N, C-alpha and C. Protein backbone atom coordinates (compact mmCIF):
# COMPACT_ATOMS: atom_id res chain seq x y z
N ALA A 1 70.50 25.22 -119.53
CA ALA A 1 69.49 24.69 -120.26
C ALA A 1 69.21 23.27 -119.21
N PHE A 2 70.01 22.54 -118.07
CA PHE A 2 69.30 21.69 -117.07
C PHE A 2 68.43 22.03 -116.32
N GLN A 3 68.59 23.49 -115.94
CA GLN A 3 67.84 23.93 -114.96
C GLN A 3 66.24 24.43 -115.72
N ILE A 4 66.49 24.82 -116.98
CA ILE A 4 64.89 25.10 -117.52
C ILE A 4 64.03 23.74 -117.94
N SER A 5 65.28 22.57 -118.48
CA SER A 5 64.56 21.15 -118.46
C SER A 5 63.73 20.58 -117.40
N LEU A 6 64.45 20.92 -116.29
CA LEU A 6 63.96 20.57 -114.92
C LEU A 6 62.50 20.98 -114.91
N LEU A 7 62.60 22.78 -114.80
CA LEU A 7 61.43 23.29 -114.71
C LEU A 7 60.09 22.87 -115.87
N VAL A 8 60.86 22.92 -117.01
CA VAL A 8 59.61 22.75 -118.07
C VAL A 8 58.89 21.66 -117.41
N GLY A 9 59.75 19.92 -117.11
CA GLY A 9 58.97 19.17 -116.53
C GLY A 9 58.53 18.64 -115.38
N PHE A 10 58.94 19.64 -114.40
CA PHE A 10 58.08 19.74 -113.75
C PHE A 10 56.42 20.65 -113.47
N ILE A 11 56.64 21.20 -114.41
CA ILE A 11 55.26 22.22 -115.36
C ILE A 11 54.59 21.31 -115.36
N SER A 12 54.88 20.31 -116.62
CA SER A 12 54.78 19.28 -117.31
C SER A 12 53.66 18.71 -116.19
N VAL A 13 54.45 17.78 -115.80
CA VAL A 13 53.69 16.64 -114.53
C VAL A 13 52.78 17.30 -113.66
N ASN A 14 53.11 18.50 -113.27
CA ASN A 14 52.37 19.16 -112.11
C ASN A 14 50.69 19.78 -113.09
N SER A 15 50.55 20.17 -114.58
CA SER A 15 49.50 20.80 -114.84
C SER A 15 48.73 19.42 -115.46
N SER A 16 49.50 18.11 -115.42
CA SER A 16 48.83 16.67 -116.36
C SER A 16 47.72 16.54 -114.56
N PRO A 17 46.99 15.58 -115.45
CA PRO A 17 45.95 14.76 -114.28
C PRO A 17 46.61 13.59 -114.28
N TRP A 18 46.79 13.65 -112.75
CA TRP A 18 48.12 12.48 -112.46
C TRP A 18 46.91 11.07 -112.64
N THR A 19 47.32 9.82 -112.51
CA THR A 19 46.94 8.20 -112.65
C THR A 19 47.62 7.77 -111.34
N ASN A 20 48.73 8.02 -111.20
CA ASN A 20 49.23 7.34 -110.04
C ASN A 20 50.01 8.89 -109.01
N TYR A 21 49.74 8.71 -108.00
CA TYR A 21 49.99 10.00 -107.22
C TYR A 21 51.72 9.89 -106.83
N SER A 22 51.72 8.43 -106.13
CA SER A 22 53.02 8.21 -105.67
C SER A 22 54.13 8.75 -106.81
N ALA A 23 54.20 8.09 -108.06
CA ALA A 23 55.23 8.35 -108.90
C ALA A 23 55.45 9.61 -108.97
N TYR A 24 54.57 10.27 -109.62
CA TYR A 24 54.77 11.68 -109.99
C TYR A 24 54.81 12.68 -108.61
N SER A 25 54.51 12.46 -107.62
CA SER A 25 54.83 12.80 -106.23
C SER A 25 56.59 13.00 -106.26
N TYR A 26 56.93 11.65 -106.23
CA TYR A 26 58.65 11.67 -105.95
C TYR A 26 59.06 12.47 -107.71
N PHE A 27 58.56 12.22 -108.85
CA PHE A 27 58.97 13.17 -109.94
C PHE A 27 59.44 14.74 -109.64
N GLN A 28 58.39 15.20 -108.98
CA GLN A 28 58.33 16.34 -108.23
C GLN A 28 59.02 17.38 -107.24
N ILE A 29 58.97 16.36 -106.03
CA ILE A 29 59.97 16.34 -105.49
C ILE A 29 61.77 16.38 -105.83
N VAL A 30 61.67 14.88 -106.37
CA VAL A 30 63.22 15.29 -106.99
C VAL A 30 63.43 16.44 -107.94
N THR A 31 62.28 16.91 -108.63
CA THR A 31 62.98 18.33 -109.03
C THR A 31 62.98 19.61 -108.73
N MET A 32 62.08 19.35 -107.80
CA MET A 32 62.36 20.61 -106.64
C MET A 32 63.08 20.79 -105.77
N CYS A 33 63.44 19.94 -105.67
CA CYS A 33 65.34 19.51 -104.72
C CYS A 33 66.38 19.94 -105.40
N ASP A 34 66.31 19.27 -107.00
CA ASP A 34 67.59 19.71 -107.46
C ASP A 34 67.45 21.40 -108.18
N LEU A 35 66.37 21.81 -108.30
CA LEU A 35 66.36 23.17 -108.48
C LEU A 35 66.37 24.23 -107.17
N VAL A 36 66.42 23.49 -106.29
CA VAL A 36 66.78 24.19 -105.05
C VAL A 36 68.17 24.12 -104.71
N MET A 37 68.28 23.48 -104.79
CA MET A 37 70.08 23.06 -104.82
C MET A 37 71.03 23.57 -106.16
N ILE A 38 70.30 23.84 -106.99
CA ILE A 38 71.27 24.28 -107.73
C ILE A 38 71.17 26.10 -107.53
N LEU A 39 69.77 26.40 -106.73
CA LEU A 39 70.04 28.01 -106.70
C LEU A 39 70.71 28.47 -105.35
N PHE A 40 71.33 27.10 -104.71
CA PHE A 40 71.80 27.49 -103.23
C PHE A 40 73.29 27.30 -104.02
N PHE A 41 73.30 26.75 -105.20
CA PHE A 41 75.05 26.80 -105.32
C PHE A 41 75.21 28.25 -106.38
N TYR A 42 74.16 28.53 -106.88
CA TYR A 42 74.15 29.65 -107.69
C TYR A 42 74.61 30.97 -106.45
N ILE A 43 73.66 30.87 -105.43
CA ILE A 43 73.86 31.82 -104.09
C ILE A 43 75.32 31.73 -103.92
N ILE A 44 75.90 30.56 -103.49
CA ILE A 44 77.03 30.69 -102.86
C ILE A 44 78.22 31.14 -104.07
N HIS A 45 77.65 30.72 -105.60
CA HIS A 45 79.05 31.22 -105.98
C HIS A 45 78.78 33.12 -106.61
N ILE A 46 77.51 33.89 -106.21
CA ILE A 46 77.23 35.03 -106.63
C ILE A 46 77.62 35.71 -105.32
N PHE A 47 77.53 35.45 -104.25
CA PHE A 47 78.04 36.25 -103.45
C PHE A 47 79.44 35.38 -103.09
N ARG A 48 80.06 35.10 -103.34
CA ARG A 48 81.22 34.49 -102.90
C ARG A 48 81.62 33.86 -101.71
N ILE A 49 80.27 33.29 -101.07
CA ILE A 49 80.64 32.57 -99.50
C ILE A 49 81.69 31.57 -99.66
N TYR A 50 82.03 31.01 -101.04
CA TYR A 50 82.97 29.46 -100.93
C TYR A 50 84.28 30.67 -100.11
N ARG A 51 84.36 31.55 -100.53
CA ARG A 51 86.10 32.11 -100.25
C ARG A 51 85.68 32.20 -98.79
N LYS A 52 84.78 32.54 -97.95
CA LYS A 52 84.53 32.37 -96.44
C LYS A 52 84.66 31.21 -96.08
N LEU A 53 83.83 30.17 -96.36
CA LEU A 53 83.47 28.76 -95.97
C LEU A 53 84.88 28.15 -96.23
N THR A 54 86.01 28.16 -95.89
CA THR A 54 87.02 27.31 -96.44
C THR A 54 87.10 26.02 -96.21
N CYS A 55 86.46 25.49 -94.99
CA CYS A 55 86.34 24.06 -94.46
C CYS A 55 85.63 22.97 -95.68
N VAL A 56 84.81 23.51 -96.16
CA VAL A 56 83.93 23.07 -97.57
C VAL A 56 84.53 23.04 -98.80
N SER A 57 84.78 21.53 -99.21
CA SER A 57 85.17 21.15 -100.75
C SER A 57 84.31 21.27 -101.62
N TRP A 58 84.17 22.85 -101.92
CA TRP A 58 83.04 23.45 -102.94
C TRP A 58 83.11 22.69 -104.12
N PRO A 59 84.40 22.31 -105.00
CA PRO A 59 83.93 21.78 -106.31
C PRO A 59 83.28 20.10 -105.68
N LEU A 60 83.89 19.60 -104.83
CA LEU A 60 83.51 18.30 -104.48
C LEU A 60 81.96 18.18 -104.25
N ALA A 61 81.66 19.20 -103.01
CA ALA A 61 80.06 19.30 -102.88
C ALA A 61 79.40 19.41 -104.07
N GLU A 62 79.53 20.00 -104.98
CA GLU A 62 78.86 20.58 -106.61
C GLU A 62 78.93 19.15 -106.97
N PHE A 63 79.78 18.32 -107.32
CA PHE A 63 80.28 17.30 -107.92
C PHE A 63 78.95 16.32 -107.29
N LEU A 64 79.14 15.97 -105.81
CA LEU A 64 77.91 14.71 -105.19
C LEU A 64 76.70 15.56 -105.81
N HIS A 65 76.62 17.09 -105.35
CA HIS A 65 75.07 17.35 -105.67
C HIS A 65 74.65 16.77 -107.02
N TYR A 66 75.66 17.08 -107.81
CA TYR A 66 75.32 16.74 -109.75
C TYR A 66 75.06 15.07 -109.27
N LEU A 67 75.89 14.25 -108.78
CA LEU A 67 76.12 13.10 -109.00
C LEU A 67 74.79 12.28 -108.22
N ILE A 68 74.58 12.74 -107.35
CA ILE A 68 72.79 12.09 -106.40
C ILE A 68 71.68 12.64 -107.16
N GLY A 69 71.79 13.94 -107.68
CA GLY A 69 70.85 14.63 -108.35
C GLY A 69 70.42 13.53 -109.58
N THR A 70 71.94 13.47 -110.56
CA THR A 70 71.42 12.80 -111.27
C THR A 70 70.73 11.16 -111.43
N ILE A 71 71.20 10.67 -110.56
CA ILE A 71 70.89 9.35 -109.89
C ILE A 71 69.44 9.11 -109.52
N LEU A 72 68.97 10.20 -108.86
CA LEU A 72 67.33 10.37 -108.61
C LEU A 72 66.42 10.95 -109.50
N LEU A 73 67.22 11.36 -110.50
CA LEU A 73 66.60 12.33 -111.64
C LEU A 73 66.07 10.93 -112.59
N LEU A 74 66.95 10.38 -112.62
CA LEU A 74 67.26 9.41 -113.69
C LEU A 74 65.93 8.39 -113.29
N ILE A 75 65.72 8.08 -112.01
CA ILE A 75 64.68 6.76 -111.34
C ILE A 75 63.34 7.68 -111.51
N ALA A 76 63.60 8.58 -110.75
CA ALA A 76 62.22 9.11 -111.25
C ALA A 76 61.57 9.67 -112.71
N SER A 77 62.39 9.83 -113.85
CA SER A 77 62.08 9.63 -115.22
C SER A 77 61.70 8.56 -115.67
N ILE A 78 62.34 7.07 -115.20
CA ILE A 78 62.34 6.37 -115.34
C ILE A 78 60.62 5.89 -114.86
N VAL A 79 60.43 6.09 -113.44
CA VAL A 79 59.19 5.57 -112.84
C VAL A 79 58.18 6.58 -113.35
N ALA A 80 58.21 8.09 -113.84
CA ALA A 80 57.48 8.51 -114.28
C ALA A 80 57.07 8.50 -115.96
N ALA A 81 57.91 7.72 -116.67
CA ALA A 81 57.74 7.24 -117.90
C ALA A 81 57.06 5.86 -118.05
N SER A 82 57.45 5.23 -117.31
CA SER A 82 56.34 3.84 -116.75
C SER A 82 54.88 4.14 -116.37
N LYS A 83 54.86 5.17 -116.09
CA LYS A 83 53.04 5.27 -115.51
C LYS A 83 52.77 6.13 -116.01
N SER A 84 52.96 6.85 -117.24
CA SER A 84 52.13 7.69 -118.04
C SER A 84 51.57 7.82 -118.55
N TYR A 85 50.69 6.18 -118.81
CA TYR A 85 49.90 5.96 -119.39
C TYR A 85 49.19 6.74 -120.99
N ASN A 86 50.10 7.39 -121.55
CA ASN A 86 49.97 7.99 -122.89
C ASN A 86 49.25 9.41 -122.71
N LEU A 87 49.51 9.78 -121.51
CA LEU A 87 49.04 11.37 -121.10
C LEU A 87 50.22 12.46 -121.29
N THR A 88 49.34 13.18 -122.81
CA THR A 88 51.04 13.89 -123.01
C THR A 88 51.97 14.70 -121.95
N GLY A 89 50.86 15.06 -121.35
CA GLY A 89 51.88 15.77 -120.24
C GLY A 89 52.54 15.22 -119.56
N LEU A 90 52.46 14.28 -118.83
CA LEU A 90 53.24 13.05 -118.00
C LEU A 90 54.12 12.62 -118.93
N VAL A 91 54.09 12.06 -120.44
CA VAL A 91 54.81 11.89 -121.33
C VAL A 91 56.07 13.12 -121.80
N ALA A 92 55.79 14.23 -121.60
CA ALA A 92 56.16 15.17 -121.72
C ALA A 92 57.34 15.63 -120.51
N GLY A 93 56.66 15.76 -119.23
CA GLY A 93 57.29 15.38 -118.00
C GLY A 93 58.61 14.38 -117.64
N ALA A 94 58.20 12.84 -118.33
CA ALA A 94 59.15 12.33 -118.21
C ALA A 94 60.29 12.66 -119.56
N THR A 95 60.09 12.98 -120.39
CA THR A 95 60.92 13.22 -121.53
C THR A 95 61.94 14.56 -121.16
N PHE A 96 61.37 15.53 -120.64
CA PHE A 96 62.10 16.37 -120.23
C PHE A 96 62.85 16.33 -119.18
N GLY A 97 62.39 14.73 -118.40
CA GLY A 97 63.55 14.35 -117.13
C GLY A 97 64.39 14.14 -117.44
N PHE A 98 64.21 12.99 -118.59
CA PHE A 98 65.57 12.34 -119.22
C PHE A 98 66.57 13.20 -120.24
N LEU A 99 66.10 14.45 -120.28
CA LEU A 99 66.91 15.06 -120.85
C LEU A 99 67.25 16.09 -120.06
N ALA A 100 66.72 16.61 -118.68
CA ALA A 100 67.77 17.16 -117.63
C ALA A 100 68.85 15.82 -116.97
N THR A 101 68.54 14.83 -117.44
CA THR A 101 69.39 13.66 -116.83
C THR A 101 70.81 13.93 -117.21
N ILE A 102 70.58 13.66 -118.71
CA ILE A 102 71.52 14.31 -119.84
C ILE A 102 72.37 15.39 -119.89
N LEU A 103 72.01 16.28 -119.89
CA LEU A 103 72.24 17.47 -119.42
C LEU A 103 73.34 17.57 -118.28
N CYS A 104 72.73 16.86 -116.88
CA CYS A 104 73.05 16.76 -115.79
C CYS A 104 74.46 16.33 -116.13
N VAL A 105 74.77 14.78 -116.46
CA VAL A 105 75.59 14.12 -116.66
C VAL A 105 76.90 14.87 -117.56
N LEU A 106 76.39 15.70 -118.37
CA LEU A 106 77.26 16.66 -118.88
C LEU A 106 77.85 17.76 -118.04
N SER A 107 77.03 17.96 -117.12
CA SER A 107 77.57 19.21 -116.44
C SER A 107 78.58 18.12 -115.58
N ILE A 108 78.27 16.99 -115.08
CA ILE A 108 79.32 16.73 -114.06
C ILE A 108 80.41 16.16 -114.54
N TRP A 109 80.36 15.80 -116.24
CA TRP A 109 81.76 15.90 -116.87
C TRP A 109 82.64 16.93 -116.80
N SER A 110 81.42 18.28 -117.32
CA SER A 110 82.44 19.58 -117.48
C SER A 110 82.89 19.79 -115.90
N SER A 111 82.47 19.64 -114.98
CA SER A 111 82.89 20.10 -113.85
C SER A 111 84.05 19.07 -113.28
N TYR A 112 83.99 17.73 -113.83
CA TYR A 112 84.90 16.94 -113.45
C TYR A 112 86.42 17.24 -114.24
N LYS A 113 86.35 17.88 -115.45
CA LYS A 113 87.11 18.01 -116.31
C LYS A 113 87.66 19.65 -116.03
N VAL A 114 86.72 20.25 -115.58
CA VAL A 114 87.37 21.95 -115.46
C VAL A 114 88.45 21.90 -113.47
N SER A 115 88.18 20.77 -112.66
CA SER A 115 88.26 20.64 -111.27
C SER A 115 89.52 20.00 -111.41
N CYS A 116 89.20 18.92 -112.23
CA CYS A 116 90.22 17.48 -111.96
C CYS A 116 91.37 17.63 -112.88
N ILE A 117 91.27 17.79 -114.00
CA ILE A 117 91.88 17.38 -115.06
C ILE A 117 92.70 18.85 -115.63
N THR A 118 92.42 20.06 -115.43
CA THR A 118 92.83 21.38 -115.28
C THR A 118 93.86 21.32 -114.11
N GLN A 119 93.25 21.18 -112.89
CA GLN A 119 94.35 21.18 -111.63
C GLN A 119 95.41 20.05 -111.77
N SER A 120 95.66 18.84 -112.09
CA SER A 120 96.66 17.86 -112.31
C SER A 120 97.20 18.30 -113.45
N THR A 121 97.04 19.23 -114.58
CA THR A 121 98.01 19.94 -115.39
C THR A 121 98.62 20.65 -115.29
N SER A 122 98.04 21.75 -114.33
CA SER A 122 98.76 23.14 -113.62
C SER A 122 99.81 22.46 -113.07
N LYS A 123 99.92 20.86 -112.20
CA LYS A 123 101.16 20.91 -111.23
C LYS A 123 102.23 20.59 -112.50
């Protein structure tokens, strides 16, 4: 759901007439970087690359990705919402950006819950 809301937000902003190029370029860059990083982690999990690269703490890397992505997405959504000038596509993009931010926070919490709380209770 997080990826779909990011994609819908990106498409909404991309297909709307812009009034402030820097605000929406930043929003597009943040959403595309988040989508590329999510694809990167999916490929790592699908092909089980994490088993071969044991020098990387993959739960920590995924946690940091979600944390940094959430902060950047929140900033981008705030900027996009403040510069939308009531254009429906831009408002929709900012709304889906906020929705993706909330879903990303839930992903951080579930990742933390699975990684840290489960491991500490199993010891």
